[in-house]
Amino acid sequence: KTEPQYRDVWGVTYEPAQGLFDHVIANPLSDLGKISGYKLPSFENQIADLLPLADRAFNLGKYVIAADPVGLYERARALMGFEALLTAPFSQSQRFRPLLDLLTEVTLSVIDAYGRSGRVHAFMTWQDFATQTGMAMRMETFRDYYRPCFVRLIDACHAQGMHFIWHCCGQILDLIPEMITLGVDVVQLDQPRLLGHQTLADRFALHLRRA
């Protein structure tokens, strides 16, 4: 029996699939001309439900990590579609920045709520900026469009006394120096063998010792 299609709180329509991730079949913002009428979801109730669990873990002496419900780059990809996302800096640049700003503001509100609780040690995001062979975009594009957003998010975490943990799959050797400069506290890799353990040690061990 085929499972029905469904729409998430962001207005993205999915088709159930086997495996970890369902297929996106309709992107509400493939045309960013629609952004003026787009309503962002609120995570206030979700956070209110999670904070008692964070409080319990904190009181038990656990290191508490809060999950990012937005995921700036991944959310933009779901909202726009992958091709539209990659071409937006060139074809819809004047509307693309406002979208990233909106997603950043939502994420900042989440960071603020977790930080004010005093029960969260770290904020973790899952954003895969690379394929198996290299970055999905030029580093110049990352620095121009995404870096300012990450500066705000990481600074907000540190201002609340929280660590910033960034999961990123793919061949991200070119991105890691940028992560270090941005002040990312932990880079969580599922694919260290893709990058090469010795390569990681040779290129970044000195940075880690200095940190």
N, C-alpha and C. Protein backbone atom coordinates (compact mmCIF):
# COMPACT_ATOMS: atom_id res chain seq x y z
N LYS A 1 0.83 -1.19 0.00
CA LYS A 1 0.00 0.00 0.00
C LYS A 1 0.87 1.24 0.00
N THR A 2 0.57 2.18 -0.90
CA THR A 2 1.35 3.41 -1.00
C THR A 2 0.92 4.39 0.08
N GLU A 3 1.89 4.88 0.84
CA GLU A 3 1.57 5.85 1.87
C GLU A 3 1.22 7.20 1.23
N PRO A 4 0.33 7.95 1.86
CA PRO A 4 -0.08 9.24 1.28
C PRO A 4 1.02 10.28 1.36
N GLN A 5 0.97 11.23 0.45
CA GLN A 5 1.86 12.38 0.53
C GLN A 5 1.49 13.21 1.75
N TYR A 6 2.45 13.98 2.22
CA TYR A 6 2.17 14.84 3.38
C TYR A 6 2.95 16.14 3.26
N ARG A 7 2.51 17.12 4.00
CA ARG A 7 3.15 18.44 3.99
C ARG A 7 3.62 18.77 5.41
N ASP A 8 4.85 19.28 5.53
CA ASP A 8 5.38 19.61 6.85
C ASP A 8 5.00 21.04 7.24
N VAL A 9 5.49 21.48 8.41
CA VAL A 9 5.12 22.80 8.92
C VAL A 9 5.69 23.94 8.07
N TRP A 10 6.66 23.61 7.23
CA TRP A 10 7.26 24.61 6.34
C TRP A 10 6.52 24.72 5.01
N GLY A 11 5.55 23.84 4.78
CA GLY A 11 4.82 23.85 3.52
C GLY A 11 5.47 23.03 2.43
N VAL A 12 6.46 22.21 2.79
CA VAL A 12 7.14 21.34 1.83
C VAL A 12 6.36 20.02 1.74
N THR A 13 6.09 19.57 0.52
CA THR A 13 5.34 18.33 0.33
C THR A 13 6.28 17.17 0.08
N TYR A 14 6.04 16.06 0.76
CA TYR A 14 6.90 14.89 0.70
C TYR A 14 6.12 13.66 0.22
N GLU A 15 6.87 12.74 -0.35
CA GLU A 15 6.36 11.42 -0.71
C GLU A 15 7.14 10.40 0.11
N PRO A 16 6.47 9.57 0.90
CA PRO A 16 7.20 8.59 1.72
C PRO A 16 8.08 7.68 0.86
N ALA A 17 9.26 7.37 1.39
CA ALA A 17 10.21 6.51 0.68
C ALA A 17 10.90 5.61 1.69
N GLN A 18 11.42 4.50 1.21
CA GLN A 18 12.20 3.63 2.07
C GLN A 18 13.53 4.29 2.39
N GLY A 19 14.03 4.04 3.58
CA GLY A 19 15.29 4.65 3.98
C GLY A 19 15.07 5.77 4.97
N LEU A 20 16.10 6.59 5.17
CA LEU A 20 16.06 7.61 6.21
C LEU A 20 15.26 8.84 5.81
N PHE A 21 15.23 9.17 4.52
CA PHE A 21 14.65 10.45 4.10
C PHE A 21 13.57 10.24 3.06
N ASP A 22 12.45 10.92 3.24
CA ASP A 22 11.40 10.90 2.24
C ASP A 22 11.75 11.85 1.09
N HIS A 23 11.05 11.70 -0.02
CA HIS A 23 11.34 12.49 -1.22
C HIS A 23 10.52 13.79 -1.20
N VAL A 24 11.20 14.91 -1.43
CA VAL A 24 10.49 16.18 -1.59
C VAL A 24 9.92 16.22 -3.01
N ILE A 25 8.63 16.50 -3.12
CA ILE A 25 8.01 16.53 -4.44
C ILE A 25 7.41 17.90 -4.78
N ALA A 26 7.35 18.81 -3.80
CA ALA A 26 6.84 20.16 -4.08
C ALA A 26 7.52 21.15 -3.15
N ASN A 27 8.15 22.15 -3.74
CA ASN A 27 8.90 23.16 -3.00
C ASN A 27 8.13 24.49 -3.02
N PRO A 28 7.72 25.00 -1.87
CA PRO A 28 6.89 26.20 -1.86
C PRO A 28 7.58 27.47 -2.32
N LEU A 29 8.94 27.49 -2.28
CA LEU A 29 9.65 28.72 -2.63
C LEU A 29 10.66 28.49 -3.77
N SER A 30 10.33 27.61 -4.71
CA SER A 30 11.21 27.47 -5.87
C SER A 30 11.30 28.79 -6.63
N ASP A 31 10.23 29.55 -6.58
CA ASP A 31 10.21 30.92 -7.10
C ASP A 31 10.18 31.85 -5.90
N LEU A 32 11.27 32.56 -5.66
CA LEU A 32 11.36 33.41 -4.48
C LEU A 32 10.48 34.65 -4.59
N GLY A 33 9.82 34.81 -5.71
CA GLY A 33 8.83 35.87 -5.81
C GLY A 33 7.68 35.67 -4.85
N LYS A 34 7.52 34.45 -4.34
CA LYS A 34 6.45 34.13 -3.40
C LYS A 34 6.84 34.38 -1.95
N ILE A 35 8.04 34.86 -1.72
CA ILE A 35 8.55 34.93 -0.35
C ILE A 35 7.78 35.94 0.50
N SER A 36 7.24 36.99 -0.13
CA SER A 36 6.55 38.02 0.64
C SER A 36 5.31 37.47 1.34
N GLY A 37 4.68 36.45 0.77
CA GLY A 37 3.50 35.87 1.38
C GLY A 37 3.76 34.61 2.18
N TYR A 38 5.03 34.27 2.35
CA TYR A 38 5.38 33.02 3.03
C TYR A 38 5.42 33.24 4.54
N LYS A 39 4.79 32.34 5.28
CA LYS A 39 4.75 32.43 6.74
C LYS A 39 5.66 31.38 7.36
N LEU A 40 6.59 31.82 8.16
CA LEU A 40 7.52 30.91 8.82
C LEU A 40 6.86 30.25 10.02
N PRO A 41 7.21 28.99 10.29
CA PRO A 41 6.65 28.33 11.47
C PRO A 41 7.29 28.85 12.75
N SER A 42 6.59 28.63 13.86
CA SER A 42 7.13 28.97 15.18
C SER A 42 7.46 27.69 15.92
N PHE A 43 8.54 27.72 16.70
CA PHE A 43 8.96 26.55 17.45
C PHE A 43 8.80 26.76 18.96
N GLU A 44 8.03 27.76 19.31
CA GLU A 44 7.86 28.09 20.72
C GLU A 44 7.28 26.93 21.51
N ASN A 45 6.22 26.30 21.00
CA ASN A 45 5.59 25.18 21.72
C ASN A 45 6.50 23.96 21.78
N GLN A 46 7.21 23.71 20.69
CA GLN A 46 8.13 22.57 20.66
C GLN A 46 9.23 22.73 21.70
N ILE A 47 9.79 23.92 21.79
CA ILE A 47 10.85 24.17 22.76
C ILE A 47 10.30 24.06 24.18
N ALA A 48 9.09 24.56 24.40
CA ALA A 48 8.47 24.47 25.73
C ALA A 48 8.31 23.02 26.17
N ASP A 49 8.03 22.14 25.21
CA ASP A 49 7.90 20.71 25.54
C ASP A 49 9.25 20.06 25.83
N LEU A 50 10.31 20.56 25.18
CA LEU A 50 11.63 19.95 25.32
C LEU A 50 12.39 20.43 26.55
N LEU A 51 12.14 21.65 26.98
CA LEU A 51 12.93 22.21 28.07
C LEU A 51 12.82 21.43 29.39
N PRO A 52 11.66 20.88 29.74
CA PRO A 52 11.64 20.05 30.96
C PRO A 52 12.56 18.84 30.87
N LEU A 53 12.70 18.27 29.67
CA LEU A 53 13.62 17.15 29.49
C LEU A 53 15.07 17.62 29.63
N ALA A 54 15.35 18.81 29.07
CA ALA A 54 16.70 19.37 29.21
C ALA A 54 17.01 19.64 30.68
N ASP A 55 16.01 20.13 31.40
CA ASP A 55 16.20 20.42 32.82
C ASP A 55 16.51 19.14 33.60
N ARG A 56 15.81 18.08 33.28
CA ARG A 56 16.04 16.81 33.96
C ARG A 56 17.44 16.28 33.68
N ALA A 57 17.85 16.34 32.39
CA ALA A 57 19.18 15.86 32.03
C ALA A 57 20.26 16.73 32.68
N PHE A 58 20.05 18.03 32.69
CA PHE A 58 21.01 18.96 33.30
C PHE A 58 21.20 18.65 34.78
N ASN A 59 20.10 18.42 35.47
CA ASN A 59 20.17 18.14 36.91
C ASN A 59 20.82 16.80 37.22
N LEU A 60 20.86 15.91 36.21
CA LEU A 60 21.55 14.63 36.37
C LEU A 60 23.03 14.72 35.99
N GLY A 61 23.47 15.92 35.65
CA GLY A 61 24.87 16.12 35.32
C GLY A 61 25.23 15.78 33.89
N LYS A 62 24.24 15.69 33.01
CA LYS A 62 24.50 15.37 31.61
C LYS A 62 24.91 16.61 30.82
N TYR A 63 25.64 16.35 29.74
CA TYR A 63 25.95 17.42 28.77
C TYR A 63 24.78 17.50 27.80
N VAL A 64 24.05 18.59 27.81
CA VAL A 64 22.79 18.71 27.09
C VAL A 64 23.01 19.41 25.74
N ILE A 65 22.61 18.72 24.66
CA ILE A 65 22.73 19.26 23.32
C ILE A 65 21.33 19.47 22.74
N ALA A 66 21.06 20.67 22.28
CA ALA A 66 19.77 20.99 21.67
C ALA A 66 19.90 20.92 20.15
N ALA A 67 18.90 20.35 19.51
CA ALA A 67 18.92 20.18 18.06
C ALA A 67 18.37 21.42 17.36
N ASP A 68 18.98 21.75 16.24
CA ASP A 68 18.54 22.84 15.38
C ASP A 68 17.33 22.39 14.57
N PRO A 69 16.15 22.99 14.75
CA PRO A 69 14.98 22.57 13.98
C PRO A 69 14.89 23.23 12.62
N VAL A 70 15.82 24.13 12.32
CA VAL A 70 15.77 24.88 11.06
C VAL A 70 16.76 24.30 10.05
N GLY A 71 18.05 24.34 10.38
CA GLY A 71 19.06 23.84 9.45
C GLY A 71 19.10 24.71 8.21
N LEU A 72 19.65 25.90 8.35
CA LEU A 72 19.61 26.95 7.34
C LEU A 72 19.73 26.47 5.89
N TYR A 73 20.83 25.84 5.55
CA TYR A 73 21.09 25.41 4.17
C TYR A 73 20.15 24.28 3.75
N GLU A 74 19.97 23.31 4.63
CA GLU A 74 19.09 22.19 4.31
C GLU A 74 17.63 22.66 4.17
N ARG A 75 17.24 23.63 5.01
CA ARG A 75 15.87 24.13 4.92
C ARG A 75 15.67 24.91 3.64
N ALA A 76 16.65 25.71 3.27
CA ALA A 76 16.54 26.46 2.02
C ALA A 76 16.45 25.50 0.84
N ARG A 77 17.18 24.39 0.91
CA ARG A 77 17.12 23.40 -0.17
C ARG A 77 15.74 22.77 -0.26
N ALA A 78 15.14 22.44 0.89
CA ALA A 78 13.80 21.85 0.87
C ALA A 78 12.76 22.86 0.38
N LEU A 79 12.91 24.10 0.79
CA LEU A 79 11.94 25.12 0.40
C LEU A 79 12.03 25.46 -1.09
N MET A 80 13.25 25.44 -1.62
CA MET A 80 13.45 25.90 -3.00
C MET A 80 13.63 24.76 -4.00
N GLY A 81 14.20 23.65 -3.56
CA GLY A 81 14.67 22.63 -4.49
C GLY A 81 16.15 22.84 -4.73
N PHE A 82 16.88 21.75 -4.96
CA PHE A 82 18.35 21.83 -5.01
C PHE A 82 18.84 22.70 -6.16
N GLU A 83 18.28 22.52 -7.34
CA GLU A 83 18.73 23.30 -8.49
C GLU A 83 18.45 24.79 -8.28
N ALA A 84 17.27 25.11 -7.80
CA ALA A 84 16.93 26.52 -7.55
C ALA A 84 17.83 27.12 -6.48
N LEU A 85 18.16 26.32 -5.46
CA LEU A 85 19.04 26.80 -4.39
C LEU A 85 20.42 27.15 -4.93
N LEU A 86 20.99 26.25 -5.75
CA LEU A 86 22.34 26.48 -6.26
C LEU A 86 22.40 27.64 -7.24
N THR A 87 21.33 27.88 -7.96
CA THR A 87 21.34 28.97 -8.95
C THR A 87 20.84 30.29 -8.38
N ALA A 88 20.23 30.27 -7.20
CA ALA A 88 19.66 31.49 -6.63
C ALA A 88 20.65 32.64 -6.47
N PRO A 89 21.91 32.39 -6.06
CA PRO A 89 22.84 33.51 -5.95
C PRO A 89 23.07 34.25 -7.27
N PHE A 90 22.74 33.60 -8.37
CA PHE A 90 22.96 34.21 -9.68
C PHE A 90 21.66 34.66 -10.34
N SER A 91 20.56 33.93 -10.06
CA SER A 91 19.31 34.22 -10.75
C SER A 91 18.28 34.94 -9.88
N GLN A 92 18.40 34.80 -8.55
CA GLN A 92 17.43 35.42 -7.65
C GLN A 92 18.13 36.05 -6.44
N SER A 93 19.28 36.64 -6.68
CA SER A 93 20.13 37.07 -5.56
C SER A 93 19.45 38.08 -4.64
N GLN A 94 18.66 39.00 -5.20
CA GLN A 94 18.03 40.03 -4.36
C GLN A 94 16.98 39.46 -3.43
N ARG A 95 16.41 38.31 -3.78
CA ARG A 95 15.42 37.67 -2.92
C ARG A 95 16.03 36.54 -2.08
N PHE A 96 17.18 36.03 -2.52
CA PHE A 96 17.80 34.92 -1.82
C PHE A 96 18.34 35.34 -0.46
N ARG A 97 18.97 36.50 -0.40
CA ARG A 97 19.49 36.97 0.89
C ARG A 97 18.38 37.13 1.93
N PRO A 98 17.24 37.74 1.56
CA PRO A 98 16.15 37.83 2.55
C PRO A 98 15.67 36.47 3.06
N LEU A 99 15.66 35.45 2.20
CA LEU A 99 15.28 34.11 2.66
C LEU A 99 16.26 33.61 3.70
N LEU A 100 17.55 33.74 3.42
CA LEU A 100 18.56 33.29 4.40
C LEU A 100 18.46 34.09 5.68
N ASP A 101 18.16 35.38 5.56
CA ASP A 101 18.00 36.21 6.76
C ASP A 101 16.81 35.75 7.60
N LEU A 102 15.70 35.42 6.93
CA LEU A 102 14.52 34.94 7.65
C LEU A 102 14.82 33.64 8.40
N LEU A 103 15.50 32.71 7.72
CA LEU A 103 15.84 31.44 8.35
C LEU A 103 16.82 31.65 9.50
N THR A 104 17.72 32.60 9.34
CA THR A 104 18.66 32.93 10.42
C THR A 104 17.93 33.47 11.62
N GLU A 105 16.95 34.36 11.40
CA GLU A 105 16.20 34.95 12.50
C GLU A 105 15.42 33.89 13.28
N VAL A 106 14.82 32.95 12.57
CA VAL A 106 14.10 31.87 13.26
C VAL A 106 15.07 31.07 14.11
N THR A 107 16.23 30.75 13.55
CA THR A 107 17.23 29.97 14.29
C THR A 107 17.72 30.74 15.51
N LEU A 108 17.92 32.03 15.37
CA LEU A 108 18.36 32.85 16.50
C LEU A 108 17.34 32.84 17.63
N SER A 109 16.06 32.84 17.28
CA SER A 109 15.02 32.79 18.32
C SER A 109 15.08 31.47 19.08
N VAL A 110 15.40 30.39 18.37
CA VAL A 110 15.54 29.08 19.02
C VAL A 110 16.76 29.07 19.94
N ILE A 111 17.88 29.57 19.43
CA ILE A 111 19.10 29.64 20.24
C ILE A 111 18.86 30.47 21.51
N ASP A 112 18.15 31.58 21.36
CA ASP A 112 17.86 32.44 22.50
C ASP A 112 17.03 31.70 23.54
N ALA A 113 16.02 30.97 23.09
CA ALA A 113 15.16 30.24 24.03
C ALA A 113 15.93 29.17 24.78
N TYR A 114 16.77 28.42 24.07
CA TYR A 114 17.58 27.40 24.73
C TYR A 114 18.59 28.04 25.67
N GLY A 115 19.20 29.12 25.22
CA GLY A 115 20.21 29.77 26.05
C GLY A 115 19.63 30.34 27.33
N ARG A 116 18.46 30.97 27.24
CA ARG A 116 17.84 31.57 28.42
C ARG A 116 17.42 30.53 29.45
N SER A 117 17.24 29.31 29.01
CA SER A 117 16.85 28.25 29.95
C SER A 117 17.97 27.94 30.94
N GLY A 118 19.20 28.17 30.50
CA GLY A 118 20.34 27.85 31.36
C GLY A 118 20.57 26.36 31.53
N ARG A 119 19.93 25.56 30.69
CA ARG A 119 20.01 24.11 30.84
C ARG A 119 20.59 23.41 29.61
N VAL A 120 21.07 24.18 28.67
CA VAL A 120 21.58 23.62 27.41
C VAL A 120 23.04 24.01 27.24
N HIS A 121 23.89 23.00 27.03
CA HIS A 121 25.33 23.25 26.89
C HIS A 121 25.74 23.52 25.45
N ALA A 122 25.01 22.97 24.50
CA ALA A 122 25.43 23.09 23.10
C ALA A 122 24.22 23.08 22.17
N PHE A 123 24.40 23.72 21.04
CA PHE A 123 23.39 23.77 19.98
C PHE A 123 24.01 23.07 18.77
N MET A 124 23.29 22.07 18.23
CA MET A 124 23.84 21.28 17.13
C MET A 124 23.00 21.42 15.87
N THR A 125 23.68 21.68 14.75
CA THR A 125 23.01 21.80 13.47
C THR A 125 23.52 20.74 12.50
N TRP A 126 22.67 20.34 11.56
CA TRP A 126 23.01 19.35 10.54
C TRP A 126 22.88 20.02 9.18
N GLN A 127 24.01 20.33 8.55
CA GLN A 127 23.99 21.02 7.27
C GLN A 127 25.14 20.49 6.41
N ASP A 128 24.78 19.82 5.33
CA ASP A 128 25.76 19.16 4.46
C ASP A 128 26.02 20.02 3.23
N PHE A 129 27.14 20.72 3.26
CA PHE A 129 27.46 21.65 2.20
C PHE A 129 28.27 21.03 1.06
N ALA A 130 28.50 19.73 1.11
CA ALA A 130 29.39 19.13 0.12
C ALA A 130 28.82 17.84 -0.45
N THR A 131 29.29 17.51 -1.63
CA THR A 131 29.05 16.20 -2.23
C THR A 131 30.19 15.29 -1.81
N GLN A 132 30.27 14.10 -2.39
CA GLN A 132 31.35 13.17 -2.06
C GLN A 132 32.68 13.57 -2.69
N THR A 133 32.66 14.55 -3.59
CA THR A 133 33.91 14.96 -4.27
C THR A 133 34.32 16.39 -3.96
N GLY A 134 33.46 17.19 -3.39
CA GLY A 134 33.83 18.56 -3.10
C GLY A 134 32.62 19.39 -2.72
N MET A 135 32.85 20.66 -2.48
CA MET A 135 31.78 21.57 -2.09
C MET A 135 30.72 21.66 -3.18
N ALA A 136 29.48 21.85 -2.76
CA ALA A 136 28.37 21.97 -3.71
C ALA A 136 28.33 23.35 -4.35
N MET A 137 29.20 24.25 -3.89
CA MET A 137 29.27 25.62 -4.41
C MET A 137 30.69 26.11 -4.27
N ARG A 138 30.98 27.20 -4.91
CA ARG A 138 32.30 27.83 -4.74
C ARG A 138 32.41 28.39 -3.33
N MET A 139 33.62 28.41 -2.80
CA MET A 139 33.81 28.97 -1.47
C MET A 139 33.45 30.45 -1.45
N GLU A 140 33.64 31.13 -2.58
CA GLU A 140 33.25 32.54 -2.64
C GLU A 140 31.75 32.71 -2.41
N THR A 141 30.97 31.77 -2.94
CA THR A 141 29.52 31.82 -2.74
C THR A 141 29.17 31.56 -1.28
N PHE A 142 29.84 30.57 -0.68
CA PHE A 142 29.61 30.30 0.74
C PHE A 142 29.91 31.54 1.56
N ARG A 143 31.06 32.16 1.32
CA ARG A 143 31.46 33.32 2.12
C ARG A 143 30.53 34.49 1.93
N ASP A 144 30.04 34.66 0.73
CA ASP A 144 29.19 35.81 0.42
C ASP A 144 27.79 35.66 1.02
N TYR A 145 27.20 34.47 0.90
CA TYR A 145 25.80 34.29 1.28
C TYR A 145 25.61 33.61 2.63
N TYR A 146 26.39 32.58 2.92
CA TYR A 146 26.12 31.77 4.11
C TYR A 146 26.97 32.18 5.31
N ARG A 147 28.19 32.59 5.07
CA ARG A 147 29.08 32.92 6.19
C ARG A 147 28.48 33.97 7.13
N PRO A 148 27.90 35.06 6.62
CA PRO A 148 27.32 36.05 7.54
C PRO A 148 26.24 35.46 8.45
N CYS A 149 25.49 34.51 7.92
CA CYS A 149 24.46 33.86 8.74
C CYS A 149 25.10 33.04 9.85
N PHE A 150 26.13 32.28 9.52
CA PHE A 150 26.80 31.46 10.53
C PHE A 150 27.50 32.31 11.58
N VAL A 151 28.04 33.45 11.17
CA VAL A 151 28.64 34.36 12.15
C VAL A 151 27.62 34.73 13.21
N ARG A 152 26.42 35.08 12.77
CA ARG A 152 25.37 35.48 13.72
C ARG A 152 24.96 34.31 14.62
N LEU A 153 24.81 33.13 14.04
CA LEU A 153 24.37 31.97 14.82
C LEU A 153 25.43 31.55 15.84
N ILE A 154 26.67 31.47 15.40
CA ILE A 154 27.74 31.03 16.30
C ILE A 154 27.98 32.06 17.39
N ASP A 155 27.98 33.33 17.03
CA ASP A 155 28.14 34.38 18.05
C ASP A 155 27.01 34.35 19.07
N ALA A 156 25.79 34.08 18.60
CA ALA A 156 24.65 34.02 19.51
C ALA A 156 24.79 32.86 20.49
N CYS A 157 25.26 31.71 19.99
CA CYS A 157 25.50 30.56 20.87
C CYS A 157 26.53 30.89 21.93
N HIS A 158 27.64 31.46 21.50
CA HIS A 158 28.71 31.78 22.45
C HIS A 158 28.27 32.83 23.46
N ALA A 159 27.44 33.77 23.01
CA ALA A 159 26.94 34.80 23.93
C ALA A 159 26.07 34.18 25.02
N GLN A 160 25.42 33.06 24.72
CA GLN A 160 24.60 32.35 25.70
C GLN A 160 25.40 31.31 26.47
N GLY A 161 26.71 31.24 26.21
CA GLY A 161 27.55 30.26 26.90
C GLY A 161 27.40 28.85 26.38
N MET A 162 26.91 28.70 25.14
CA MET A 162 26.71 27.38 24.55
C MET A 162 27.75 27.12 23.47
N HIS A 163 28.10 25.85 23.29
CA HIS A 163 28.96 25.44 22.19
C HIS A 163 28.13 25.32 20.90
N PHE A 164 28.81 25.49 19.78
CA PHE A 164 28.16 25.32 18.47
C PHE A 164 28.74 24.07 17.82
N ILE A 165 27.89 23.07 17.59
CA ILE A 165 28.30 21.80 16.98
C ILE A 165 27.71 21.72 15.58
N TRP A 166 28.56 21.43 14.59
CA TRP A 166 28.11 21.42 13.20
C TRP A 166 28.41 20.06 12.58
N HIS A 167 27.37 19.32 12.26
CA HIS A 167 27.52 18.10 11.46
C HIS A 167 27.55 18.49 9.99
N CYS A 168 28.51 17.93 9.27
CA CYS A 168 28.60 18.20 7.84
C CYS A 168 29.22 17.00 7.14
N CYS A 169 28.45 16.39 6.26
CA CYS A 169 28.95 15.27 5.47
C CYS A 169 29.60 15.78 4.19
N GLY A 170 30.27 14.86 3.49
CA GLY A 170 30.86 15.18 2.20
C GLY A 170 32.33 15.57 2.30
N GLN A 171 32.89 15.92 1.16
CA GLN A 171 34.29 16.30 1.05
C GLN A 171 34.43 17.78 1.41
N ILE A 172 34.65 18.06 2.70
CA ILE A 172 34.61 19.43 3.21
C ILE A 172 35.98 19.95 3.63
N LEU A 173 37.04 19.42 3.05
CA LEU A 173 38.38 19.90 3.44
C LEU A 173 38.53 21.40 3.21
N ASP A 174 37.90 21.93 2.18
CA ASP A 174 37.99 23.37 1.93
C ASP A 174 37.15 24.19 2.90
N LEU A 175 36.14 23.55 3.50
CA LEU A 175 35.24 24.27 4.41
C LEU A 175 35.76 24.29 5.84
N ILE A 176 36.51 23.28 6.24
CA ILE A 176 36.94 23.18 7.63
C ILE A 176 37.74 24.41 8.09
N PRO A 177 38.69 24.94 7.30
CA PRO A 177 39.37 26.16 7.77
C PRO A 177 38.40 27.31 8.03
N GLU A 178 37.34 27.40 7.21
CA GLU A 178 36.32 28.43 7.42
C GLU A 178 35.58 28.18 8.73
N MET A 179 35.28 26.92 9.01
CA MET A 179 34.62 26.58 10.27
C MET A 179 35.46 26.98 11.47
N ILE A 180 36.76 26.73 11.38
CA ILE A 180 37.67 27.10 12.47
C ILE A 180 37.68 28.60 12.67
N THR A 181 37.75 29.35 11.57
CA THR A 181 37.76 30.81 11.64
C THR A 181 36.46 31.34 12.24
N LEU A 182 35.35 30.70 11.89
CA LEU A 182 34.05 31.12 12.40
C LEU A 182 33.89 30.87 13.89
N GLY A 183 34.68 29.97 14.43
CA GLY A 183 34.58 29.66 15.85
C GLY A 183 33.72 28.46 16.16
N VAL A 184 33.50 27.59 15.16
CA VAL A 184 32.76 26.35 15.41
C VAL A 184 33.51 25.54 16.47
N ASP A 185 32.79 25.09 17.48
CA ASP A 185 33.45 24.37 18.58
C ASP A 185 33.69 22.91 18.26
N VAL A 186 32.74 22.27 17.57
CA VAL A 186 32.87 20.85 17.23
C VAL A 186 32.39 20.66 15.80
N VAL A 187 33.23 20.04 14.96
CA VAL A 187 32.82 19.60 13.64
C VAL A 187 32.58 18.10 13.72
N GLN A 188 31.33 17.68 13.56
CA GLN A 188 30.98 16.27 13.68
C GLN A 188 30.94 15.65 12.29
N LEU A 189 31.80 14.66 12.08
CA LEU A 189 31.95 14.03 10.78
C LEU A 189 31.43 12.60 10.81
N ASP A 190 30.57 12.25 9.87
CA ASP A 190 30.19 10.86 9.69
C ASP A 190 31.11 10.16 8.70
N GLN A 191 31.90 10.95 7.96
CA GLN A 191 32.72 10.38 6.88
C GLN A 191 34.19 10.79 7.00
N PRO A 192 34.84 10.55 8.13
CA PRO A 192 36.24 10.95 8.26
C PRO A 192 37.16 10.23 7.28
N ARG A 193 36.80 8.99 6.90
CA ARG A 193 37.65 8.26 5.96
C ARG A 193 37.59 8.86 4.56
N LEU A 194 36.48 9.52 4.23
CA LEU A 194 36.40 10.22 2.95
C LEU A 194 37.41 11.36 2.89
N LEU A 195 37.58 12.04 4.00
CA LEU A 195 38.54 13.14 4.07
C LEU A 195 39.96 12.63 4.28
N GLY A 196 40.06 11.50 4.99
CA GLY A 196 41.38 10.93 5.30
C GLY A 196 41.81 11.32 6.70
N HIS A 197 41.95 10.32 7.57
CA HIS A 197 42.35 10.62 8.95
C HIS A 197 43.70 11.34 9.00
N GLN A 198 44.66 10.87 8.20
CA GLN A 198 45.98 11.49 8.24
C GLN A 198 45.93 12.90 7.66
N THR A 199 45.13 13.09 6.62
CA THR A 199 44.98 14.43 6.04
C THR A 199 44.39 15.39 7.07
N LEU A 200 43.39 14.95 7.79
CA LEU A 200 42.80 15.78 8.83
C LEU A 200 43.83 16.14 9.90
N ALA A 201 44.62 15.15 10.30
CA ALA A 201 45.64 15.39 11.32
C ALA A 201 46.71 16.35 10.81
N ASP A 202 47.16 16.13 9.57
CA ASP A 202 48.23 16.96 9.02
C ASP A 202 47.79 18.41 8.82
N ARG A 203 46.55 18.60 8.38
CA ARG A 203 46.11 19.95 8.02
C ARG A 203 45.54 20.74 9.20
N PHE A 204 44.98 20.03 10.21
CA PHE A 204 44.23 20.77 11.22
C PHE A 204 44.66 20.51 12.66
N ALA A 205 45.59 19.62 12.90
CA ALA A 205 46.00 19.33 14.28
C ALA A 205 46.57 20.57 14.95
N LEU A 206 47.35 21.38 14.22
CA LEU A 206 47.94 22.57 14.80
C LEU A 206 46.86 23.55 15.25
N HIS A 207 45.80 23.68 14.43
CA HIS A 207 44.69 24.57 14.82
C HIS A 207 44.04 24.07 16.09
N LEU A 208 43.88 22.76 16.23
CA LEU A 208 43.22 22.21 17.40
C LEU A 208 44.05 22.40 18.65
N ARG A 209 45.38 22.25 18.51
CA ARG A 209 46.24 22.45 19.68
C ARG A 209 46.18 23.90 20.14
N ARG A 210 46.14 24.84 19.19
CA ARG A 210 46.06 26.25 19.55
C ARG A 210 44.74 26.58 20.21
N ALA A 211 43.67 25.90 19.75
CA ALA A 211 42.35 26.15 20.34
C ALA A 211 42.31 25.70 21.80
